[in-house]
C-alpha cells in the first residue's frame, strides 16, 4: 500500500545518518545493545492497548476484546556512527 511504501522511504532516509540524527527524530531509545560487529543497535519500544470498550445494543452489554500491542524500531549503527540498517515491527 502507499502508506507502507511511504514508511519504507521515511525509514530509509536515515541510512547513512548518525545516531544523533535518529535520536533527534525519535527521542531517547528504550535500550542500546551491540550488533556483534563493533557497532550498536538502538531500540525504541512502545506498548499500547486497543479495545476493551463496553457498549450496549438493545439493552445487552457487549465489549471489544482488549488487545496489547508493541511497536519496535531498531536502528543499526557502525562503529563509525553511521546507520546501515533498520527494522520496524508491530507485535
PDB file of N, CA and C in Angstrom:
ATOM      1  N   UNK A   1       0.826  -1.171   0.000  1.00  0.00           N
ATOM      2  CA  UNK A   1       0.000   0.000   0.000  1.00  0.00           C
ATOM      3  C   UNK A   1       0.880   1.248   0.000  1.00  0.00           C
ATOM      4  N   UNK A   2       0.273   2.367  -0.315  1.00  0.00           N
ATOM      5  CA  UNK A   2       1.019   3.627  -0.371  1.00  0.00           C
ATOM      6  C   UNK A   2       1.608   3.974   0.990  1.00  0.00           C
ATOM      7  N   UNK A   3       0.843   3.751   2.063  1.00  0.00           N
ATOM      8  CA  UNK A   3       1.314   4.088   3.414  1.00  0.00           C
ATOM      9  C   UNK A   3       2.572   3.292   3.761  1.00  0.00           C
ATOM     10  N   UNK A   4       2.572   1.994   3.462  1.00  0.00           N
ATOM     11  CA  UNK A   4       3.740   1.170   3.764  1.00  0.00           C
ATOM     12  C   UNK A   4       4.950   1.631   2.960  1.00  0.00           C
ATOM     13  N   UNK A   5       4.740   1.989   1.705  1.00  0.00           N
ATOM     14  CA  UNK A   5       5.840   2.463   0.877  1.00  0.00           C
ATOM     15  C   UNK A   5       6.371   3.800   1.395  1.00  0.00           C
ATOM     16  N   UNK A   6       5.479   4.681   1.828  1.00  0.00           N
ATOM     17  CA  UNK A   6       5.890   5.966   2.394  1.00  0.00           C
ATOM     18  C   UNK A   6       6.703   5.745   3.670  1.00  0.00           C
ATOM     19  N   UNK A   7       6.283   4.798   4.511  1.00  0.00           N
ATOM     20  CA  UNK A   7       7.047   4.472   5.720  1.00  0.00           C
ATOM     21  C   UNK A   7       8.419   3.931   5.356  1.00  0.00           C
ATOM     22  N   UNK A   8       8.473   3.059   4.355  1.00  0.00           N
ATOM     23  CA  UNK A   8       9.739   2.492   3.891  1.00  0.00           C
ATOM     24  C   UNK A   8      10.689   3.610   3.447  1.00  0.00           C
ATOM     25  N   UNK A   9      10.196   4.550   2.677  1.00  0.00           N
ATOM     26  CA  UNK A   9      11.032   5.664   2.228  1.00  0.00           C
ATOM     27  C   UNK A   9      11.491   6.522   3.405  1.00  0.00           C
ATOM     28  N   UNK A  10      10.598   6.746   4.366  1.00  0.00           N
ATOM     29  CA  UNK A  10      10.941   7.545   5.534  1.00  0.00           C
ATOM     30  C   UNK A  10      12.076   6.894   6.320  1.00  0.00           C
ATOM     31  N   UNK A  11      11.933   5.614   6.649  1.00  0.00           N
ATOM     32  CA  UNK A  11      12.973   4.936   7.428  1.00  0.00           C
ATOM     33  C   UNK A  11      14.269   4.801   6.630  1.00  0.00           C
ATOM     34  N   UNK A  12      14.168   4.603   5.344  1.00  0.00           N
ATOM     35  CA  UNK A  12      15.376   4.528   4.501  1.00  0.00           C
ATOM     36  C   UNK A  12      16.137   5.853   4.498  1.00  0.00           C
ATOM     37  N   UNK A  13      15.448   6.962   4.746  1.00  0.00           N
ATOM     38  CA  UNK A  13      16.121   8.261   4.743  1.00  0.00           C
ATOM     39  C   UNK A  13      17.142   8.374   5.878  1.00  0.00           C
ATOM     40  N   UNK A  14      17.094   7.485   6.871  1.00  0.00           N
ATOM     41  CA  UNK A  14      18.048   7.510   7.973  1.00  0.00           C
ATOM     42  C   UNK A  14      19.331   6.739   7.660  1.00  0.00           C
ATOM     43  N   UNK A  15      19.347   5.956   6.601  1.00  0.00           N
ATOM     44  CA  UNK A  15      20.556   5.222   6.254  1.00  0.00           C
ATOM     45  C   UNK A  15      21.685   6.206   5.967  1.00  0.00           C
ATOM     46  N   UNK A  16      22.851   5.953   6.577  1.00  0.00           N
ATOM     47  CA  UNK A  16      23.993   6.837   6.423  1.00  0.00           C
ATOM     48  C   UNK A  16      24.024   7.989   7.409  1.00  0.00           C
ATOM     49  N   UNK A  17      22.927   8.188   8.147  1.00  0.00           N
ATOM     50  CA  UNK A  17      22.866   9.281   9.134  1.00  0.00           C
ATOM     51  C   UNK A  17      23.523   8.834  10.440  1.00  0.00           C
ATOM     52  N   UNK A  18      23.783   9.789  11.315  1.00  0.00           N
ATOM     53  CA  UNK A  18      24.389   9.479  12.604  1.00  0.00           C
ATOM     54  C   UNK A  18      23.322   9.097  13.629  1.00  0.00           C
ATOM     55  N   UNK A  19      23.787   8.551  14.730  1.00  0.00           N
ATOM     56  CA  UNK A  19      22.896   8.197  15.827  1.00  0.00           C
ATOM     57  C   UNK A  19      22.184   9.437  16.346  1.00  0.00           C
ATOM     58  N   UNK A  20      22.893  10.563  16.417  1.00  0.00           N
ATOM     59  CA  UNK A  20      22.282  11.809  16.903  1.00  0.00           C
ATOM     60  C   UNK A  20      21.110  12.221  16.019  1.00  0.00           C
ATOM     61  N   UNK A  21      21.215  12.002  14.708  1.00  0.00           N
ATOM     62  CA  UNK A  21      20.114  12.332  13.800  1.00  0.00           C
ATOM     63  C   UNK A  21      18.875  11.492  14.108  1.00  0.00           C
ATOM     64  N   UNK A  22      19.080  10.201  14.365  1.00  0.00           N
ATOM     65  CA  UNK A  22      17.955   9.305  14.652  1.00  0.00           C
ATOM     66  C   UNK A  22      17.345   9.640  16.009  1.00  0.00           C
ATOM     67  N   UNK A  23      18.176   9.910  16.998  1.00  0.00           N
ATOM     68  CA  UNK A  23      17.663  10.282  18.321  1.00  0.00           C
ATOM     69  C   UNK A  23      16.888  11.589  18.240  1.00  0.00           C
ATOM     70  N   UNK A  24      17.340  12.507  17.418  1.00  0.00           N
ATOM     71  CA  UNK A  24      16.611  13.765  17.253  1.00  0.00           C
ATOM     72  C   UNK A  24      15.208  13.508  16.704  1.00  0.00           C
ATOM     73  N   UNK A  25      15.069  12.513  15.837  1.00  0.00           N
ATOM     74  CA  UNK A  25      13.765  12.200  15.240  1.00  0.00           C
ATOM     75  C   UNK A  25      12.846  11.435  16.187  1.00  0.00           C
ATOM     76  N   UNK A  26      13.393  10.521  17.006  1.00  0.00           N
ATOM     77  CA  UNK A  26      12.558   9.626  17.801  1.00  0.00           C
ATOM     78  C   UNK A  26      12.701   9.786  19.311  1.00  0.00           C
ATOM     79  N   UNK A  27      13.617  10.614  19.769  1.00  0.00           N
ATOM     80  CA  UNK A  27      13.848  10.753  21.200  1.00  0.00           C
ATOM     81  C   UNK A  27      14.809   9.691  21.702  1.00  0.00           C
ATOM     82  N   UNK A  28      14.951   9.631  23.010  1.00  0.00           N
ATOM     83  CA  UNK A  28      15.886   8.680  23.625  1.00  0.00           C
ATOM     84  C   UNK A  28      15.423   7.244  23.389  1.00  0.00           C
ATOM     85  N   UNK A  29      16.352   6.350  23.063  1.00  0.00           N
ATOM     86  CA  UNK A  29      15.968   4.951  22.842  1.00  0.00           C
ATOM     87  C   UNK A  29      15.604   4.255  24.152  1.00  0.00           C
ATOM     88  N   UNK A  30      14.833   3.201  24.028  1.00  0.00           N
ATOM     89  CA  UNK A  30      14.460   2.385  25.176  1.00  0.00           C
ATOM     90  C   UNK A  30      15.672   1.611  25.683  1.00  0.00           C
ATOM     91  N   UNK A  31      16.472   1.096  24.744  1.00  0.00           N
ATOM     92  CA  UNK A  31      17.681   0.374  25.120  1.00  0.00           C
ATOM     93  C   UNK A  31      18.683   0.393  23.969  1.00  0.00           C
ATOM     94  N   UNK A  32      19.928   0.086  24.302  1.00  0.00           N
ATOM     95  CA  UNK A  32      21.014   0.021  23.330  1.00  0.00           C
ATOM     96  C   UNK A  32      21.722  -1.305  23.535  1.00  0.00           C
ATOM     97  N   UNK A  33      21.992  -1.999  22.436  1.00  0.00           N
ATOM     98  CA  UNK A  33      22.686  -3.275  22.500  1.00  0.00           C
ATOM     99  C   UNK A  33      23.739  -3.318  21.395  1.00  0.00           C
ATOM    100  N   UNK A  34      24.592  -4.305  21.432  1.00  0.00           N
ATOM    101  CA  UNK A  34      25.643  -4.429  20.424  1.00  0.00           C
ATOM    102  C   UNK A  34      25.137  -5.187  19.203  1.00  0.00           C
ATOM    103  N   UNK A  35      25.714  -4.891  18.044  1.00  0.00           N
ATOM    104  CA  UNK A  35      25.339  -5.613  16.830  1.00  0.00           C
ATOM    105  C   UNK A  35      26.264  -6.795  16.566  1.00  0.00           C
ATOM    106  N   UNK A  36      27.262  -7.003  17.445  1.00  0.00           N
ATOM    107  CA  UNK A  36      28.193  -8.119  17.292  1.00  0.00           C
ATOM    108  C   UNK A  36      29.309  -7.850  16.296  1.00  0.00           C
ATOM    109  N   UNK A  37      29.333  -6.660  15.693  1.00  0.00           N
ATOM    110  CA  UNK A  37      30.350  -6.303  14.707  1.00  0.00           C
ATOM    111  C   UNK A  37      31.103  -5.036  15.114  1.00  0.00           C
ATOM    112  N   UNK A  38      30.977  -4.636  16.367  1.00  0.00           N
ATOM    113  CA  UNK A  38      31.619  -3.418  16.836  1.00  0.00           C
ATOM    114  C   UNK A  38      30.712  -2.204  16.833  1.00  0.00           C
ATOM    115  N   UNK A  39      29.510  -2.358  16.317  1.00  0.00           N
ATOM    116  CA  UNK A  39      28.543  -1.265  16.289  1.00  0.00           C
ATOM    117  C   UNK A  39      27.465  -1.462  17.333  1.00  0.00           C
ATOM    118  N   UNK A  40      26.444  -0.640  17.269  1.00  0.00           N
ATOM    119  CA  UNK A  40      25.348  -0.703  18.239  1.00  0.00           C
ATOM    120  C   UNK A  40      23.998  -0.746  17.542  1.00  0.00           C
ATOM    121  N   UNK A  41      23.027  -1.286  18.268  1.00  0.00           N
ATOM    122  CA  UNK A  41      21.635  -1.283  17.832  1.00  0.00           C
ATOM    123  C   UNK A  41      20.867  -0.451  18.852  1.00  0.00           C
ATOM    124  N   UNK A  42      20.212   0.589  18.377  1.00  0.00           N
ATOM    125  CA  UNK A  42      19.378   1.438  19.224  1.00  0.00           C
ATOM    126  C   UNK A  42      17.932   0.998  19.031  1.00  0.00           C
ATOM    127  N   UNK A  43      17.243   0.739  20.128  1.00  0.00           N
ATOM    128  CA  UNK A  43      15.895   0.166  20.080  1.00  0.00           C
ATOM    129  C   UNK A  43      14.907   1.109  20.758  1.00  0.00           C
ATOM    130  N   UNK A  44      13.805   1.354  20.077  1.00  0.00           N
ATOM    131  CA  UNK A  44      12.678   2.116  20.629  1.00  0.00           C
ATOM    132  C   UNK A  44      11.489   1.170  20.703  1.00  0.00           C
ATOM    133  N   UNK A  45      10.873   1.063  21.876  1.00  0.00           N
ATOM    134  CA  UNK A  45       9.693   0.223  22.054  1.00  0.00           C
ATOM    135  C   UNK A  45       8.565   1.053  22.648  1.00  0.00           C
ATOM    136  N   UNK A  46       7.386   0.828  22.130  1.00  0.00           N
ATOM    137  CA  UNK A  46       6.189   1.489  22.661  1.00  0.00           C
ATOM    138  C   UNK A  46       5.104   0.436  22.788  1.00  0.00           C
ATOM    139  N   UNK A  47       4.528   0.319  23.968  1.00  0.00           N
ATOM    140  CA  UNK A  47       3.455  -0.646  24.220  1.00  0.00           C
ATOM    141  C   UNK A  47       2.148   0.124  24.399  1.00  0.00           C
ATOM    142  N   UNK A  48       1.091  -0.393  23.791  1.00  0.00           N
ATOM    143  CA  UNK A  48      -0.218   0.241  23.930  1.00  0.00           C
ATOM    144  C   UNK A  48      -1.311  -0.807  23.790  1.00  0.00           C
ATOM    145  N   UNK A  49      -2.524  -0.436  24.195  1.00  0.00           N
ATOM    146  CA  UNK A  49      -3.670  -1.350  24.110  1.00  0.00           C
ATOM    147  C   UNK A  49      -4.751  -0.755  23.214  1.00  0.00           C
ATOM    148  N   UNK A  50      -5.539  -1.640  22.647  1.00  0.00           N
ATOM    149  CA  UNK A  50      -6.743  -1.240  21.913  1.00  0.00           C
ATOM    150  C   UNK A  50      -7.885  -2.137  22.381  1.00  0.00           C
ATOM    151  N   UNK A  51      -9.087  -1.697  22.119  1.00  0.00           N
ATOM    152  CA  UNK A  51     -10.253  -2.483  22.505  1.00  0.00           C
ATOM    153  C   UNK A  51     -10.637  -2.226  23.950  1.00  0.00           C
ATOM    154  N   UNK A  52     -11.430  -3.135  24.481  1.00  0.00           N
ATOM    155  CA  UNK A  52     -11.861  -3.019  25.862  1.00  0.00           C
ATOM    156  C   UNK A  52     -13.066  -2.117  26.062  1.00  0.00           C
ATOM    157  N   UNK A  53     -13.594  -1.570  24.970  1.00  0.00           N
ATOM    158  CA  UNK A  53     -14.766  -0.691  25.099  1.00  0.00           C
ATOM    159  C   UNK A  53     -16.011  -1.522  25.420  1.00  0.00           C
ATOM    160  N   UNK A  54     -16.857  -0.954  26.241  1.00  0.00           N
ATOM    161  CA  UNK A  54     -18.136  -1.586  26.580  1.00  0.00           C
ATOM    162  C   UNK A  54     -19.240  -0.762  25.923  1.00  0.00           C
ATOM    163  N   UNK A  55     -20.179  -1.452  25.281  1.00  0.00           N
ATOM    164  CA  UNK A  55     -21.291  -0.771  24.641  1.00  0.00           C
ATOM    165  C   UNK A  55     -22.535  -1.646  24.762  1.00  0.00           C
ATOM    166  N   UNK A  56     -23.676  -1.018  24.538  1.00  0.00           N
ATOM    167  CA  UNK A  56     -24.948  -1.713  24.685  1.00  0.00           C
ATOM    168  C   UNK A  56     -25.704  -1.702  23.373  1.00  0.00           C
ATOM    169  N   UNK A  57     -26.247  -2.864  23.052  1.00  0.00           N
ATOM    170  CA  UNK A  57     -27.118  -2.996  21.875  1.00  0.00           C
ATOM    171  C   UNK A  57     -28.397  -3.662  22.363  1.00  0.00           C
ATOM    172  N   UNK A  58     -29.511  -2.975  22.169  1.00  0.00           N
ATOM    173  CA  UNK A  58     -30.820  -3.479  22.619  1.00  0.00           C
ATOM    174  C   UNK A  58     -30.785  -3.884  24.093  1.00  0.00           C
ATOM    175  N   UNK A  59     -30.097  -3.094  24.906  1.00  0.00           N
ATOM    176  CA  UNK A  59     -30.064  -3.346  26.340  1.00  0.00           C
ATOM    177  C   UNK A  59     -29.095  -4.426  26.783  1.00  0.00           C
ATOM    178  N   UNK A  60     -28.395  -5.046  25.837  1.00  0.00           N
ATOM    179  CA  UNK A  60     -27.431  -6.099  26.204  1.00  0.00           C
ATOM    180  C   UNK A  60     -26.015  -5.542  26.128  1.00  0.00           C
ATOM    181  N   UNK A  61     -25.233  -5.843  27.146  1.00  0.00           N
ATOM    182  CA  UNK A  61     -23.862  -5.354  27.199  1.00  0.00           C
ATOM    183  C   UNK A  61     -22.950  -6.192  26.295  1.00  0.00           C
ATOM    184  N   UNK A  62     -22.104  -5.493  25.533  1.00  0.00           N
ATOM    185  CA  UNK A  62     -21.090  -6.125  24.680  1.00  0.00           C
ATOM    186  C   UNK A  62     -19.759  -5.425  24.940  1.00  0.00           C
ATOM    187  N   UNK A  63     -18.685  -6.084  24.594  1.00  0.00           N
ATOM    188  CA  UNK A  63     -17.373  -5.427  24.724  1.00  0.00           C
ATOM    189  C   UNK A  63     -16.428  -5.940  23.653  1.00  0.00           C
ATOM    190  N   UNK A  64     -15.501  -5.071  23.262  1.00  0.00           N
ATOM    191  CA  UNK A  64     -14.428  -5.464  22.345  1.00  0.00           C
ATOM    192  C   UNK A  64     -13.314  -6.071  23.180  1.00  0.00           C
ATOM    193  N   UNK A  65     -12.658  -7.105  22.671  1.00  0.00           N
ATOM    194  CA  UNK A  65     -11.566  -7.681  23.456  1.00  0.00           C
ATOM    195  C   UNK A  65     -10.412  -6.690  23.596  1.00  0.00           C
ATOM    196  N   UNK A  66      -9.780  -6.710  24.743  1.00  0.00           N
ATOM    197  CA  UNK A  66      -8.619  -5.875  24.996  1.00  0.00           C
ATOM    198  C   UNK A  66      -7.405  -6.530  24.344  1.00  0.00           C
ATOM    199  N   UNK A  67      -6.678  -5.779  23.523  1.00  0.00           N
ATOM    200  CA  UNK A  67      -5.503  -6.313  22.825  1.00  0.00           C
ATOM    201  C   UNK A  67      -4.283  -5.480  23.184  1.00  0.00           C
ATOM    202  N   UNK A  68      -3.186  -6.154  23.390  1.00  0.00           N
ATOM    203  CA  UNK A  68      -1.925  -5.493  23.696  1.00  0.00           C
ATOM    204  C   UNK A  68      -1.044  -5.496  22.457  1.00  0.00           C
ATOM    205  N   UNK A  69      -0.397  -4.373  22.182  1.00  0.00           N
ATOM    206  CA  UNK A  69       0.459  -4.223  21.007  1.00  0.00           C
ATOM    207  C   UNK A  69       1.807  -3.656  21.436  1.00  0.00           C
ATOM    208  N   UNK A  70       2.817  -3.947  20.640  1.00  0.00           N
ATOM    209  CA  UNK A  70       4.134  -3.367  20.882  1.00  0.00           C
ATOM    210  C   UNK A  70       4.715  -2.943  19.542  1.00  0.00           C
ATOM    211  N   UNK A  71       5.084  -1.664  19.436  1.00  0.00           N
ATOM    212  CA  UNK A  71       5.793  -1.153  18.261  1.00  0.00           C
ATOM    213  C   UNK A  71       7.282  -1.145  18.591  1.00  0.00           C
ATOM    214  N   UNK A  72       8.074  -1.678  17.671  1.00  0.00           N
ATOM    215  CA  UNK A  72       9.518  -1.747  17.868  1.00  0.00           C
ATOM    216  C   UNK A  72      10.208  -1.111  16.671  1.00  0.00           C
ATOM    217  N   UNK A  73      11.150  -0.219  16.947  1.00  0.00           N
ATOM    218  CA  UNK A  73      12.015   0.353  15.916  1.00  0.00           C
ATOM    219  C   UNK A  73      13.447   0.024  16.308  1.00  0.00           C
ATOM    220  N   UNK A  74      14.215  -0.526  15.377  1.00  0.00           N
ATOM    221  CA  UNK A  74      15.628  -0.813  15.609  1.00  0.00           C
ATOM    222  C   UNK A  74      16.437  -0.124  14.524  1.00  0.00           C
ATOM    223  N   UNK A  75      17.467   0.594  14.941  1.00  0.00           N
ATOM    224  CA  UNK A  75      18.396   1.217  14.005  1.00  0.00           C
ATOM    225  C   UNK A  75      19.794   0.722  14.333  1.00  0.00           C
ATOM    226  N   UNK A  76      20.487   0.237  13.305  1.00  0.00           N
ATOM    227  CA  UNK A  76      21.809  -0.358  13.452  1.00  0.00           C
ATOM    228  C   UNK A  76      22.866   0.655  13.013  1.00  0.00           C
ATOM    229  N   UNK A  77      23.923   0.809  13.839  1.00  0.00           N
ATOM    230  CA  UNK A  77      24.979   1.779  13.559  1.00  0.00           C
ATOM    231  C   UNK A  77      26.342   1.094  13.525  1.00  0.00           C
ATOM    232  N   UNK A  78      27.160   1.502  12.592  1.00  0.00           N
ATOM    233  CA  UNK A  78      28.529   1.005  12.514  1.00  0.00           C
ATOM    234  C   UNK A  78      29.341   1.590  13.658  1.00  0.00           C
ATOM    235  N   UNK A  79      30.556   1.104  13.832  1.00  0.00           N
ATOM    236  CA  UNK A  79      31.432   1.664  14.868  1.00  0.00           C
ATOM    237  C   UNK A  79      31.782   3.115  14.567  1.00  0.00           C
ATOM    238  N   UNK A  80      31.602   3.541  13.299  1.00  0.00           N
ATOM    239  CA  UNK A  80      31.836   4.930  12.899  1.00  0.00           C
ATOM    240  C   UNK A  80      30.579   5.791  13.002  1.00  0.00           C
ATOM    241  N   UNK A  81      29.540   5.259  13.656  1.00  0.00           N
ATOM    242  CA  UNK A  81      28.307   6.006  13.935  1.00  0.00           C
ATOM    243  C   UNK A  81      27.510   6.348  12.677  1.00  0.00           C
ATOM    244  N   UNK A  82      27.422   5.409  11.741  1.00  0.00           N
ATOM    245  CA  UNK A  82      26.590   5.579  10.547  1.00  0.00           C
ATOM    246  C   UNK A  82      25.517   4.493  10.539  1.00  0.00           C
ATOM    247  N   UNK A  83      24.285   4.902  10.310  1.00  0.00           N
ATOM    248  CA  UNK A  83      23.174   3.944  10.254  1.00  0.00           C
ATOM    249  C   UNK A  83      23.295   3.100   8.989  1.00  0.00           C
ATOM    250  N   UNK A  84      23.293   1.773   9.150  1.00  0.00           N
ATOM    251  CA  UNK A  84      23.410   0.885   7.997  1.00  0.00           C
ATOM    252  C   UNK A  84      22.213  -0.051   7.807  1.00  0.00           C
ATOM    253  N   UNK A  85      21.296  -0.080   8.778  1.00  0.00           N
ATOM    254  CA  UNK A  85      20.140  -0.981   8.664  1.00  0.00           C
ATOM    255  C   UNK A  85      19.077  -0.516   9.655  1.00  0.00           C
ATOM    256  N   UNK A  86      17.829  -0.810   9.354  1.00  0.00           N
ATOM    257  CA  UNK A  86      16.732  -0.529  10.271  1.00  0.00           C
ATOM    258  C   UNK A  86      15.718  -1.633  10.185  1.00  0.00           C
ATOM    259  N   UNK A  87      14.935  -1.778  11.247  1.00  0.00           N
ATOM    260  CA  UNK A  87      13.846  -2.764  11.268  1.00  0.00           C
ATOM    261  C   UNK A  87      12.731  -2.190  12.119  1.00  0.00           C
ATOM    262  N   UNK A  88      11.503  -2.288  11.601  1.00  0.00           N
ATOM    263  CA  UNK A  88      10.323  -1.811  12.317  1.00  0.00           C
ATOM    264  C   UNK A  88       9.313  -2.951  12.341  1.00  0.00           C
ATOM    265  N   UNK A  89       8.733  -3.197  13.507  1.00  0.00           N
ATOM    266  CA  UNK A  89       7.763  -4.293  13.619  1.00  0.00           C
ATOM    267  C   UNK A  89       6.671  -3.912  14.620  1.00  0.00           C
ATOM    268  N   UNK A  90       5.520  -4.522  14.452  1.00  0.00           N
ATOM    269  CA  UNK A  90       4.427  -4.414  15.414  1.00  0.00           C
ATOM    270  C   UNK A  90       4.055  -5.815  15.845  1.00  0.00           C
ATOM    271  N   UNK A  91       4.039  -6.018  17.135  1.00  0.00           N
ATOM    272  CA  UNK A  91       3.679  -7.344  17.671  1.00  0.00           C
ATOM    273  C   UNK A  91       2.319  -7.283  18.305  1.00  0.00           C
TER     274      UNK A  91
END
